[in-house]
């Protein structure tokens, strides 16, 4: 594992060639609005509740690719040469691209970022990849990471709320960032 992670602020991925379609975006917004009504405010809950808000974003984004993405849930990665262990709520696989998604516990995005980077290093080691992507999220805050040999790039995005419900525009930005990484 790297002794030092130079983390730079920047764009993890550019704009996707084709963003999330309006019907999929509308379905995502409707579902998350219903989930907010049923579960209550996400800021009042604990980690077990958050996965019910994160998973629909992952599923809808992956459905954009019409079956060309594999979603792995509750993945454990043990490094070979890298003596580290990674645990992810989700790993998205498309070709040689990997996105490792960690739910930030107790709203600690910094700890989630660290957990994601350690896991990304283990995944690079096991699958002999030169680049992996990580996401640490508590649903409202999204820390996107691009883990390369020489540096780590970080980009922070936020789900905006109106009346406790996510805005369509902020969901579009988050979804399209994930799509751009997977293209």
Protein backbone atom coordinates (compact mmCIF):
# COMPACT_ATOMS: atom_id res chain seq x y z
CA UNK A 1 0.00 0.00 0.00
CA UNK A 2 1.13 3.56 -0.63
CA UNK A 3 2.88 5.19 2.31
CA UNK A 4 1.38 8.54 1.39
CA UNK A 5 -1.79 9.46 -0.48
CA UNK A 6 -1.47 12.84 -2.15
CA UNK A 7 -5.17 13.76 -2.35
CA UNK A 8 -5.95 16.54 -4.78
CA UNK A 9 -9.27 18.29 -5.25
CA UNK A 10 -10.53 18.01 -8.81
CA UNK A 11 -12.91 16.32 -11.17
CA UNK A 12 -12.96 12.56 -10.78
CA UNK A 13 -14.75 12.08 -14.12
CA UNK A 14 -16.03 14.36 -16.83
CA UNK A 15 -19.62 14.74 -18.01
CA UNK A 16 -21.06 11.48 -19.38
CA UNK A 17 -21.81 11.22 -23.08
CA UNK A 18 -25.43 10.39 -22.25
CA UNK A 19 -26.71 11.16 -18.78
CA UNK A 20 -29.46 9.41 -16.89
CA UNK A 21 -32.70 9.45 -18.88
CA UNK A 22 -35.59 11.56 -17.63
CA UNK A 23 -37.83 8.50 -16.99
CA UNK A 24 -35.12 6.85 -14.83
CA UNK A 25 -34.38 10.13 -13.05
CA UNK A 26 -38.09 10.65 -12.39
CA UNK A 27 -38.43 7.09 -11.04
CA UNK A 28 -35.44 7.66 -8.74
CA UNK A 29 -36.82 10.96 -7.47
CA UNK A 30 -40.27 9.46 -6.84
CA UNK A 31 -38.84 6.46 -4.98
CA UNK A 32 -36.59 8.58 -2.77
CA UNK A 33 -39.46 10.97 -2.06
CA UNK A 34 -41.58 7.99 -0.95
CA UNK A 35 -38.69 6.61 1.12
CA UNK A 36 -38.36 9.99 2.85
CA UNK A 37 -42.05 9.92 3.77
CA UNK A 38 -41.84 6.33 5.03
CA UNK A 39 -38.47 6.43 6.82
CA UNK A 40 -38.49 10.06 7.88
CA UNK A 41 -35.64 12.50 7.57
CA UNK A 42 -32.33 10.90 6.70
CA UNK A 43 -30.57 13.25 9.12
CA UNK A 44 -32.47 11.67 12.02
CA UNK A 45 -31.57 8.08 11.23
CA UNK A 46 -28.74 5.67 11.67
CA UNK A 47 -26.63 3.73 9.18
CA UNK A 48 -29.10 0.88 8.64
CA UNK A 49 -31.62 3.35 7.24
CA UNK A 50 -29.18 5.04 4.86
CA UNK A 51 -28.67 2.01 2.65
CA UNK A 52 -32.34 2.28 1.65
CA UNK A 53 -31.53 5.70 0.19
CA UNK A 54 -28.14 4.83 -1.34
CA UNK A 55 -29.14 1.53 -3.01
CA UNK A 56 -31.82 3.02 -5.31
CA UNK A 57 -29.29 5.47 -6.73
CA UNK A 58 -26.87 2.62 -7.42
CA UNK A 59 -29.59 0.43 -8.97
CA UNK A 60 -31.07 3.16 -11.19
CA UNK A 61 -27.63 4.24 -12.41
CA UNK A 62 -26.71 0.64 -13.22
CA UNK A 63 -30.00 0.11 -15.06
CA UNK A 64 -28.90 2.95 -17.37
CA UNK A 65 -26.33 0.48 -18.76
CA UNK A 66 -29.03 -2.14 -19.50
CA UNK A 67 -27.41 -5.12 -17.79
CA UNK A 68 -23.78 -4.36 -18.67
CA UNK A 69 -22.82 -3.77 -15.04
CA UNK A 70 -22.47 -6.22 -12.22
CA UNK A 71 -23.45 -5.03 -8.73
CA UNK A 72 -21.78 -6.88 -5.87
CA UNK A 73 -23.21 -6.29 -2.38
CA UNK A 74 -21.41 -6.53 0.97
CA UNK A 75 -18.05 -7.31 -0.65
CA UNK A 76 -14.95 -8.21 1.35
CA UNK A 77 -11.54 -7.80 -0.34
CA UNK A 78 -8.28 -9.15 1.10
CA UNK A 79 -5.09 -7.86 -0.51
CA UNK A 80 -2.34 -10.23 -1.65
CA UNK A 81 0.80 -8.06 -1.51
CA UNK A 82 -1.10 -5.21 0.11
CA UNK A 83 -1.82 -6.33 3.65
CA UNK A 84 -5.17 -4.64 3.96
CA UNK A 85 -8.81 -5.57 4.09
CA UNK A 86 -11.62 -3.76 2.32
CA UNK A 87 -15.34 -3.90 3.07
CA UNK A 88 -17.80 -2.30 0.68
CA UNK A 89 -21.57 -1.98 0.69
CA UNK A 90 -21.39 -2.23 -3.12
CA UNK A 91 -18.82 -2.81 -5.84
CA UNK A 92 -19.83 -1.88 -9.38
CA UNK A 93 -18.00 -3.75 -12.15
CA UNK A 94 -18.06 -2.79 -15.82
CA UNK A 95 -15.21 -4.10 -17.96
CA UNK A 96 -12.02 -3.19 -16.14
CA UNK A 97 -13.64 -0.34 -14.20
CA UNK A 98 -14.48 -0.73 -10.53
CA UNK A 99 -16.34 1.59 -8.18
CA UNK A 100 -16.12 0.64 -4.51
CA UNK A 101 -18.93 2.20 -2.47
CA UNK A 102 -18.71 2.64 1.29
CA UNK A 103 -21.48 3.92 3.52
CA UNK A 104 -19.91 6.48 5.83
CA UNK A 105 -20.70 5.42 9.38
CA UNK A 106 -22.01 8.03 11.82
CA UNK A 107 -21.78 10.70 9.10
CA UNK A 108 -17.98 10.43 9.17
CA UNK A 109 -17.10 11.04 5.51
CA UNK A 110 -13.37 11.27 6.31
CA UNK A 111 -13.40 7.79 7.87
CA UNK A 112 -15.48 6.50 4.94
CA UNK A 113 -12.99 8.01 2.49
CA UNK A 114 -10.11 6.29 4.29
CA UNK A 115 -11.98 2.96 4.32
CA UNK A 116 -12.73 3.32 0.60
CA UNK A 117 -9.11 4.12 -0.29
CA UNK A 118 -7.71 1.20 1.71
CA UNK A 119 -10.20 -1.11 0.01
CA UNK A 120 -9.39 0.35 -3.41
CA UNK A 121 -5.70 -0.41 -2.81
CA UNK A 122 -6.58 -4.01 -1.91
CA UNK A 123 -8.74 -4.31 -5.04
CA UNK A 124 -5.95 -2.88 -7.23
CA UNK A 125 -3.63 -5.48 -5.75
CA UNK A 126 -5.98 -8.46 -6.14
CA UNK A 127 -7.24 -7.61 -9.65
CA UNK A 128 -4.00 -5.97 -10.87
CA UNK A 129 -5.71 -2.69 -11.73
CA UNK A 130 -3.90 0.63 -12.13
CA UNK A 131 -7.01 2.73 -11.41
CA UNK A 132 -9.98 2.18 -9.11
CA UNK A 133 -12.76 4.50 -8.06
CA UNK A 134 -14.27 4.86 -4.64
CA UNK A 135 -17.32 6.53 -3.20
CA UNK A 136 -17.85 7.29 0.47
CA UNK A 137 -21.38 8.49 1.14
CA UNK A 138 -23.94 9.03 3.85
CA UNK A 139 -26.52 9.64 1.08
CA UNK A 140 -26.46 13.42 1.49
CA UNK A 141 -22.69 13.84 1.00
CA UNK A 142 -20.86 11.99 -1.77
CA UNK A 143 -17.06 11.82 -1.79
CA UNK A 144 -15.90 10.55 -5.20
CA UNK A 145 -12.34 9.21 -5.36
CA UNK A 146 -10.10 8.24 -8.27
CA UNK A 147 -7.27 6.08 -6.94
CA UNK A 148 -4.30 6.03 -9.33
CA UNK A 149 -0.71 4.89 -8.89
CA UNK A 150 0.67 8.40 -8.36
CA UNK A 151 -2.24 10.28 -6.82
CA UNK A 152 -5.76 10.27 -5.49
CA UNK A 153 -8.29 12.76 -6.84
CA UNK A 154 -11.28 13.71 -4.71
CA UNK A 155 -14.52 15.44 -5.66
CA UNK A 156 -17.31 16.24 -3.20
CA UNK A 157 -20.97 16.46 -4.25
CA UNK A 158 -24.11 16.93 -2.18
CA UNK A 159 -27.75 15.89 -2.45
CA UNK A 160 -29.80 19.05 -1.95
CA UNK A 161 -33.09 18.80 -0.09
CA UNK A 162 -36.34 20.73 -0.45
CA UNK A 163 -38.95 20.01 2.21
CA UNK A 164 -36.77 17.09 3.32
CA UNK A 165 -36.85 15.47 -0.14
CA UNK A 166 -33.98 15.29 -2.65
CA UNK A 167 -34.03 17.72 -5.55
CA UNK A 168 -34.12 16.31 -9.07
CA UNK A 169 -31.12 18.42 -10.10
CA UNK A 170 -28.88 17.17 -7.29
CA UNK A 171 -29.85 13.54 -8.01
CA UNK A 172 -29.04 14.13 -11.70
CA UNK A 173 -25.57 15.42 -10.80
CA UNK A 174 -24.78 12.44 -8.53
CA UNK A 175 -26.16 9.87 -11.00
CA UNK A 176 -24.35 11.39 -13.97
CA UNK A 177 -21.04 11.44 -12.07
CA UNK A 178 -21.32 7.67 -11.48
CA UNK A 179 -22.32 7.12 -15.13
CA UNK A 180 -19.32 9.17 -16.31
CA UNK A 181 -16.96 7.01 -14.25
CA UNK A 182 -18.42 3.79 -15.66
CA UNK A 183 -18.36 4.90 -19.33
